[in-house]
Amino acid sequence: MPAPIFSRVLTLSLSILVFLVLNSCHAVRNGAEPSIQFSRVPTAGDGDPEKLLAIEGRVSGFRPGLQIVLFARSGMWWVQPFANQPFTTIQPDSTWKSLTHPGSAYAALLVDSRFHPLPTISALPNKGGLILAIASVEGSKPAAPPKTLTFSGYQWEIRNSASDRAGSLNFFDQSNAWRDPAGLLHLRISKLGEQWRSAEVKLTRSLGYGSYRFVVRDVSHLEPAAVLSFFTWDDAAPSREMDIEISRWGEPEDKNAQYVVQPYFVAANSVRFLAPAGLLTHWMIWEPGRGSFRTARGSQSKMGSNFVAQHVFTSGIPSPANERIHLNFYMYKSKRNPLRHDAEVIIEKFEFRP
């Protein structure tokens, strides 16, 4: 074979060999098994429908059309963050992040978009079919104890985690709840960037049956999307929730207050009323099989007869267990009348009598 031809053949052969090697490496990379890594793991905790924690991670072997499905373990595995919102989007840089309710462990599934998860499962599924990868991790060690404040002679924990109370995702900021030098409790809704921050405190112990009294300064200035709520709540099911709520729920023409024994969607379980301007005193008297709610003008230590509203519930009244009183000021997500300004309420006194 003449030398020039041989040289050209050798060059062509080397080019083909390099092409095959490079494409072989590329094929190996593209054929790599998909996997999921966690970059942020929430603390371990018992299931709490009122608490949401941040969870984040990254996917390798990602391709368009794939999504993440998250689960948290609390007895069984619960899809996260909500049963009607089971998918977490994977970003172009292969990262993902979402919110989850607490659990003793957390799991992430990399799935095809045709995959439809069940709300709860007793055990994690195996990889295969529409499930391309699975990763699980135990919850991290609990964070430091929450900050507390003293108000009306009681210790209260200050919330610093997200919640989807009343179907509206709220982020809570510890700096939005404080006691002033006069001993009054301030709760504030404030905006940080594009995000609203709410406020909540809860008693550090359960009080059970008895008379609960809340003295509140004028709330007639509140926007329709602001919610001030005094309620019982048990972190373990059932919730044992009973509420005094000040809000128009985004509807300016509606009355601005209600008494509720949950579940609220039972017609007989809620009564709406108009809370007038000025200082008000609210009572919730919790007895076996009976819940009495009353509201009066001014700061009254004893119940008289000049109530602006009152109602007695005798059906669905919970019995005490591990519930605690919460004082909550948050933003209700209203498309018609969204919250526009920061807001603040002042609670002068809380009192409990067995």
Foldseek 3Di string as FASTA:
>chain_A
DDPVVVVVVVVVVVVVVVVVVVVVVVVCQLPDQKEKDWPDFAAADAFFQFFKDKTKIFMGSDDPQKWKFKWADHQWTFTPDDLVPGTWHQDPVRMTMDIHTHHQKMKIWIFGNVDRDDRTDRDDDDADDRTRYMDMDGGHHDDDAADWDDAQRFIKGKDQGWGCPPNRIAGADSVQWDADPVRKIKWKWADDPNHIHGIKIWTPFDDFAFKKKWKWFFPPPDDQFKKKKKWKADRDPPGLIWIWMAHNLQDVVRAGIKTAGPPRPPPVGMDGFHDDGGMKMWMWGADVQKTKIWMAHDDDPDDDPRTRDIDMGRPNRDGDDGIIIMTIITGRDDPNGGDDHMDMIIIGHIDTDD
